Protein backbone atom coordinates (compact mmCIF):
# COMPACT_ATOMS: atom_id res chain seq x y z
CA MET A 1 -50.74 -41.52 8.78
CA LYS A 2 -52.01 -37.90 9.68
CA LYS A 3 -51.56 -38.64 13.44
CA VAL A 4 -48.12 -39.55 13.12
CA ILE A 5 -47.23 -36.02 11.33
CA ALA A 6 -49.30 -33.84 13.47
CA GLY A 7 -47.02 -36.02 16.83
CA GLY A 8 -43.76 -34.85 15.31
CA LEU A 9 -44.49 -31.77 14.57
CA PHE A 10 -45.72 -31.77 18.34
CA LEU A 11 -42.20 -32.96 18.99
CA LEU A 12 -39.87 -30.39 16.58
CA SER A 13 -41.33 -28.17 17.81
CA GLY A 14 -41.46 -28.71 22.27
CA VAL A 15 -37.61 -29.85 21.47
CA ILE A 16 -36.73 -26.30 19.33
CA LEU A 17 -38.10 -24.66 22.39
CA TYR A 18 -36.48 -26.36 24.93
CA ILE A 19 -33.29 -25.51 23.12
CA SER A 20 -34.25 -22.43 22.85
CA VAL A 21 -34.54 -22.02 26.34
CA HIS A 22 -32.09 -24.15 28.15
CA ILE A 23 -29.18 -22.12 25.21
CA PRO A 24 -29.30 -18.74 26.36
CA ALA A 25 -29.31 -20.15 30.22
CA ALA A 26 -26.67 -21.84 30.16
CA PHE A 27 -25.09 -18.44 29.14
CA HIS A 28 -26.81 -17.18 31.57
CA ALA A 29 -25.50 -19.77 33.99
CA ALA A 30 -22.23 -19.69 33.52
CA THR A 31 -22.81 -15.27 34.36
CA LEU A 32 -24.30 -16.38 37.70
CA GLY A 33 -22.19 -15.18 41.20
CA GLY A 34 -23.89 -17.51 43.24
CA TRP A 35 -26.68 -20.24 43.27
CA SER A 36 -28.24 -22.18 45.72
CA SER A 37 -27.94 -26.23 45.93
CA PRO A 38 -30.74 -28.01 45.44
CA PRO A 39 -32.27 -26.68 42.17
CA GLY A 40 -28.80 -26.14 40.45
CA ARG A 41 -27.19 -23.39 39.25
CA LEU A 42 -28.16 -24.09 35.45
CA SER A 43 -32.34 -24.20 37.25
CA THR A 44 -31.99 -21.18 39.39
CA ALA A 45 -30.63 -19.48 36.47
CA LEU A 46 -33.30 -20.35 34.69
CA GLU A 47 -36.02 -18.79 37.58
CA GLN A 48 -33.75 -15.29 37.02
CA MET A 49 -34.45 -15.44 32.88
CA GLY A 50 -38.34 -15.84 33.50
CA GLY A 51 -37.83 -18.97 31.32
CA ALA A 52 -38.97 -22.16 33.79
CA ALA A 53 -42.62 -22.16 32.41
CA THR A 54 -41.47 -21.85 29.07
CA ARG A 55 -38.88 -26.01 29.07
CA ASN A 56 -41.93 -26.98 31.31
CA GLY A 57 -44.47 -26.24 28.50
CA SER A 58 -42.03 -27.67 25.95
CA VAL A 59 -41.95 -30.61 28.17
CA LEU A 60 -45.45 -30.65 27.79
CA LEU A 61 -45.40 -30.84 23.59
CA ILE A 62 -42.97 -33.04 23.33
CA ILE A 63 -45.01 -35.30 25.52
CA ILE A 64 -47.66 -34.95 23.46
CA GLY A 65 -45.73 -35.58 20.35
CA VAL A 66 -44.56 -38.77 21.62
CA VAL A 67 -47.94 -40.34 22.49
CA VAL A 68 -49.27 -39.19 19.04
CA ILE A 69 -47.17 -41.08 17.30
CA LEU A 70 -47.36 -43.78 19.05
CA TRP A 71 -51.03 -43.90 18.88
CA GLY A 72 -50.15 -43.25 15.31
CA ALA A 73 -48.52 -45.48 14.59
CA PHE A 74 -49.93 -48.80 16.55
CA GLU A 75 -53.75 -47.31 16.25
CA GLU A 76 -54.41 -50.39 13.73
CA GLU A 77 -53.24 -52.14 16.83
CA LEU A 78 -55.06 -50.55 19.01
CA ARG A 79 -58.49 -51.17 17.51
CA LYS A 80 -57.93 -55.43 17.71
CA LEU A 81 -57.25 -55.34 20.80
CA PHE A 82 -59.97 -53.65 22.46
CA LYS A 83 -62.13 -55.19 19.46
CA SER A 84 -61.58 -58.43 20.69
CA LYS A 85 -61.96 -57.86 24.26
CA LYS A 86 -64.97 -56.55 23.86
CA SER A 87 -66.12 -59.13 20.94
CA SER A 88 -64.53 -62.23 23.90
CA ALA A 89 -66.89 -59.80 26.60
CA LYS A 90 -69.84 -60.48 25.30
CA ILE A 91 -69.27 -64.28 24.74
CA ALA A 92 -69.03 -64.33 27.94
CA ASP A 93 -71.86 -62.37 29.18
CA HIS A 94 -73.58 -65.17 26.78
CA GLU A 95 -72.54 -67.82 28.30
CA LEU A 96 -73.64 -67.86 31.26
CA PRO A 97 -77.51 -69.12 32.46
């Protein structure tokens, strides 16, 4: 249960950070005079504001949060799965002459 709570905090902080970077970038993008096509208007605004690293950090926090939540939610099933694989490997080793 502690892992689910910790993962939720990572996820929530990542989402809040992501939103807090993108809202000002969207306002700045509205005032851009020109931008290049491949990164687009929002990415150009993020680069000008210096928010690209913060965006990448927030995405990393979101991914870590989801992984920790899934790990905490399915921990018992993962233990059973790996325990059965280890025991079946030991049985297979002992069957050989």
